[in-house]
Every structure is written in structure tokens, then in C-alpha cells.
Amino acid sequence: MTSATTSALTHKTSHKASREQQFHDMDRALAKKYVEALLWRAQTLRVQRHGVIFTPRMELYDDPESSRITATLELPGLKTGDVSVHLDDDHLVISGDRRSSIPTDDDGAAKYPIKEIKYGKFLRKLNVPSGTMMSTISASMSEGMLVISWPRTPPGGTTRAAQ
């Protein structure tokens, strides 16, 4: 074999190994996301069995230039006292209960034939960096919009992406 042929075979072999590693890495990343989705779904089903009816809609603002991550949750009709915000390990937990102001009959049936607004308990869990303390989290509620922010990296903590 000539040195050119040997060089070409070596390049082809290393390219193939590199490509296989890329596919392996992609497979692992997809498998990890799939397992996370399954675990999230299982957690959601457990929560639903315990009376949580809905998950509020949310926008997450994660500007790499900012030192804080901000989430805005849509909670129409609720006041500050109707919502609970607390830390559970590395999760920020937002929960509460939205009650209907519509009067019901004695049998508990509403007087309206269409009911599209979600009432009852709600829950939203967000990943926060390990070591985040409640004192570093800010929250405000205005016109049914809850805005919560937390530090991207708490003092002495490690960074973890929000979900």
C-alpha cells in the first residue's frame, strides 16, 4: 500500500468512528429527553390523581446576558393570596386553587350549559439551579399574571436549565 492509500483509509476510518460517536451521543441525548418526558408524565398523572386539575400556561425568559431567569405564568382571576410559591429541593413549585364565582344549584350543578374555564387546583414545577434560596427569588402578581425570577447561578451553586 502506498502512503496516500494508507492515509485515505485512516481518514475514512477515523471519520466513520467520529460519525458513529456523533450518532451515539445523539441517541443518548434523545433517550435522556424521552426518559425525562416519561418521568414528567408519570409525575403529572400522580398529581392529577391527587386532585390537581390543570397546569397554568407559562412563558420562560432566559437571556444568556442576564443574571436572572424569569417566568411569567397566566393565572387570570387570581390574587396574590390564592397562589403559593415555594422551593422543593431544586424545584420552584407554584400552586393554588381557582374557585368559580358562579352560584351552583343545591345539587352542585352549575346553571350554565357551557363551562370552558378551568377551575380547581393547579400546579407548576420549574427546575432551578441547585442551591437556590427563597430569599433570592422574586415574585409579583398583577392582573392575573405572576412574574417570578431567580438567579441563573446562585452563590456557590451549579447551573441547571429551567423547564
Protein backbone atom coordinates (compact mmCIF):
# COMPACT_ATOMS: atom_id res chain seq x y z
CA MET A 1 0.00 0.00 0.00
CA THR A 2 1.14 3.49 -0.69
CA SER A 3 1.23 6.14 1.95
CA ALA A 4 -1.58 8.01 0.17
CA THR A 5 -3.83 4.91 0.31
CA THR A 6 -2.97 4.34 3.97
CA SER A 7 -3.69 7.97 4.76
CA ALA A 8 -7.05 7.81 2.93
CA LEU A 9 -8.06 4.63 4.80
CA THR A 10 -7.03 6.12 8.14
CA HIS A 11 -9.03 9.28 7.41
CA LYS A 12 -12.06 7.23 6.32
CA THR A 13 -11.86 5.03 9.43
CA SER A 14 -11.47 7.97 11.80
CA HIS A 15 -14.34 9.80 10.04
CA LYS A 16 -16.53 6.70 10.44
CA ALA A 17 -15.63 6.41 14.15
CA SER A 18 -16.30 10.10 14.64
CA ARG A 19 -19.67 9.80 12.90
CA GLU A 20 -20.57 6.75 14.98
CA GLN A 21 -19.70 8.70 18.13
CA GLN A 22 -21.93 11.56 16.97
CA PHE A 23 -24.83 9.14 16.42
CA HIS A 24 -24.17 7.54 19.80
CA ASP A 25 -24.16 10.95 21.52
CA MET A 26 -27.36 11.96 19.74
CA ASP A 27 -29.00 8.65 20.67
CA ARG A 28 -28.07 9.18 24.34
CA ALA A 29 -29.39 12.77 24.31
CA LEU A 30 -32.70 11.69 22.75
CA ALA A 31 -33.02 8.76 25.15
CA LYS A 32 -32.40 11.08 28.09
CA LYS A 33 -35.10 13.52 26.88
CA TYR A 34 -37.51 10.62 26.33
CA VAL A 35 -36.96 9.28 29.85
CA GLU A 36 -37.36 12.80 31.29
CA ALA A 37 -40.65 13.15 29.38
CA LEU A 38 -41.86 9.78 30.70
CA LEU A 39 -40.94 10.71 34.27
CA TRP A 40 -42.66 14.10 33.90
CA ARG A 41 -45.78 12.38 32.54
CA ALA A 42 -45.78 9.87 35.42
CA GLN A 43 -45.43 12.72 37.91
CA THR A 44 -48.26 14.61 36.21
CA LEU A 45 -50.53 11.55 36.42
CA ARG A 46 -49.71 11.12 40.12
CA VAL A 47 -50.51 14.77 40.71
CA GLN A 48 -53.79 14.50 38.79
CA ARG A 49 -54.86 11.56 40.95
CA HIS A 50 -54.38 13.78 43.98
CA GLY A 51 -56.75 16.46 42.71
CA VAL A 52 -54.60 18.80 40.60
CA ILE A 53 -56.65 19.70 37.58
CA PHE A 54 -54.51 21.95 35.42
CA THR A 55 -51.07 23.40 34.75
CA PRO A 56 -51.03 27.17 34.15
CA ARG A 57 -49.60 28.40 30.85
CA MET A 58 -46.16 29.96 31.10
CA GLU A 59 -43.52 31.92 29.24
CA LEU A 60 -39.89 31.46 30.26
CA TYR A 61 -37.43 34.26 29.54
CA ASP A 62 -33.84 33.01 29.59
CA ASP A 63 -31.48 35.68 28.24
CA PRO A 64 -27.86 34.45 28.46
CA GLU A 65 -26.76 38.07 29.01
CA SER A 66 -28.95 38.40 32.12
CA SER A 67 -28.02 37.11 35.58
CA ARG A 68 -31.65 36.08 36.21
CA ILE A 69 -34.20 33.77 34.59
CA THR A 70 -37.82 34.97 34.54
CA ALA A 71 -41.06 33.01 34.24
CA THR A 72 -44.46 34.58 33.64
CA LEU A 73 -47.48 32.43 34.50
CA GLU A 74 -51.00 33.13 33.34
CA LEU A 75 -53.37 32.98 36.34
CA PRO A 76 -56.43 35.06 35.41
CA GLY A 77 -58.83 35.91 38.19
CA LEU A 78 -56.41 35.05 40.99
CA LYS A 79 -54.98 37.32 43.65
CA THR A 80 -51.64 37.06 45.44
CA GLY A 81 -53.21 35.19 48.37
CA ASP A 82 -54.57 32.50 46.04
CA VAL A 83 -51.10 31.39 44.92
CA SER A 84 -48.34 29.57 46.81
CA VAL A 85 -44.68 29.71 45.72
CA HIS A 86 -42.08 27.55 47.48
CA LEU A 87 -38.90 25.56 46.90
CA ASP A 88 -38.86 21.77 46.94
CA ASP A 89 -35.24 20.61 46.50
CA ASP A 90 -34.18 22.01 43.11
CA HIS A 91 -37.74 22.81 42.00
CA LEU A 92 -39.72 26.01 42.31
CA VAL A 93 -43.32 24.95 42.96
CA ILE A 94 -46.23 27.24 42.10
CA SER A 95 -49.63 26.00 43.24
CA GLY A 96 -53.05 27.20 44.22
CA ASP A 97 -56.76 26.81 43.75
CA ARG A 98 -59.06 28.76 41.44
CA ARG A 99 -62.69 28.78 42.57
CA SER A 100 -65.67 29.61 40.44
CA SER A 101 -67.73 32.63 41.42
CA ILE A 102 -70.73 31.17 39.60
CA PRO A 103 -73.50 30.12 42.01
CA THR A 104 -74.50 26.45 41.87
CA ASP A 105 -77.83 24.72 42.48
CA ASP A 106 -78.44 22.65 45.61
CA ASP A 107 -77.30 19.53 43.75
CA GLY A 108 -73.99 21.24 42.85
CA ALA A 109 -74.79 21.62 39.15
CA ALA A 110 -73.94 24.97 37.55
CA LYS A 111 -76.73 26.93 35.85
CA TYR A 112 -74.71 27.33 32.63
CA PRO A 113 -74.55 24.62 29.92
CA ILE A 114 -71.02 25.56 28.74
CA LYS A 115 -68.06 25.52 31.07
CA GLU A 116 -64.67 26.09 29.36
CA ILE A 117 -62.81 27.94 32.12
CA LYS A 118 -60.59 25.72 34.25
CA TYR A 119 -61.28 25.76 37.98
CA GLY A 120 -59.75 23.79 40.79
CA LYS A 121 -56.22 23.10 41.92
CA PHE A 122 -53.21 23.89 39.77
CA LEU A 123 -49.51 23.13 39.97
CA ARG A 124 -46.42 24.11 38.01
CA LYS A 125 -42.88 22.92 38.84
CA LEU A 126 -39.81 24.63 37.45
CA ASN A 127 -36.20 23.47 37.70
CA VAL A 128 -33.96 26.00 39.43
CA PRO A 129 -30.20 25.85 39.97
CA SER A 130 -29.03 23.71 42.86
CA GLY A 131 -28.56 25.81 45.98
CA THR A 132 -31.17 28.45 45.11
CA MET A 133 -32.66 30.00 48.24
CA MET A 134 -36.16 31.52 48.60
CA SER A 135 -34.56 34.83 49.55
CA THR A 136 -33.09 35.07 46.00
CA ILE A 137 -36.45 34.50 44.28
CA SER A 138 -38.67 37.47 43.46
CA ALA A 139 -42.37 37.20 42.61
CA SER A 140 -45.08 39.71 41.78
CA MET A 141 -48.69 39.35 40.71
CA SER A 142 -50.55 41.87 38.60
CA GLU A 143 -53.77 41.48 36.62
CA GLY A 144 -53.64 37.69 36.71
CA MET A 145 -50.01 37.45 35.60
CA LEU A 146 -47.49 36.01 38.06
CA VAL A 147 -43.89 37.04 37.30
CA ILE A 148 -41.17 35.05 39.10
CA SER A 149 -37.40 35.40 38.67
CA TRP A 150 -34.43 33.62 40.17
CA PRO A 151 -30.66 33.84 39.76
CA ARG A 152 -29.11 31.95 36.86
CA THR A 153 -26.38 30.72 39.19
CA PRO A 154 -26.80 31.13 42.96
CA PRO A 155 -23.72 31.85 45.09
CA GLY A 156 -21.72 28.61 45.25
CA GLY A 157 -24.34 26.76 43.13
CA THR A 158 -24.26 24.93 39.84
CA THR A 159 -26.21 25.89 36.73
CA ARG A 160 -29.17 23.80 35.62
CA ALA A 161 -31.53 24.61 32.76
CA ALA A 162 -35.11 25.61 33.59
CA GLN A 163 -38.10 23.62 32.25
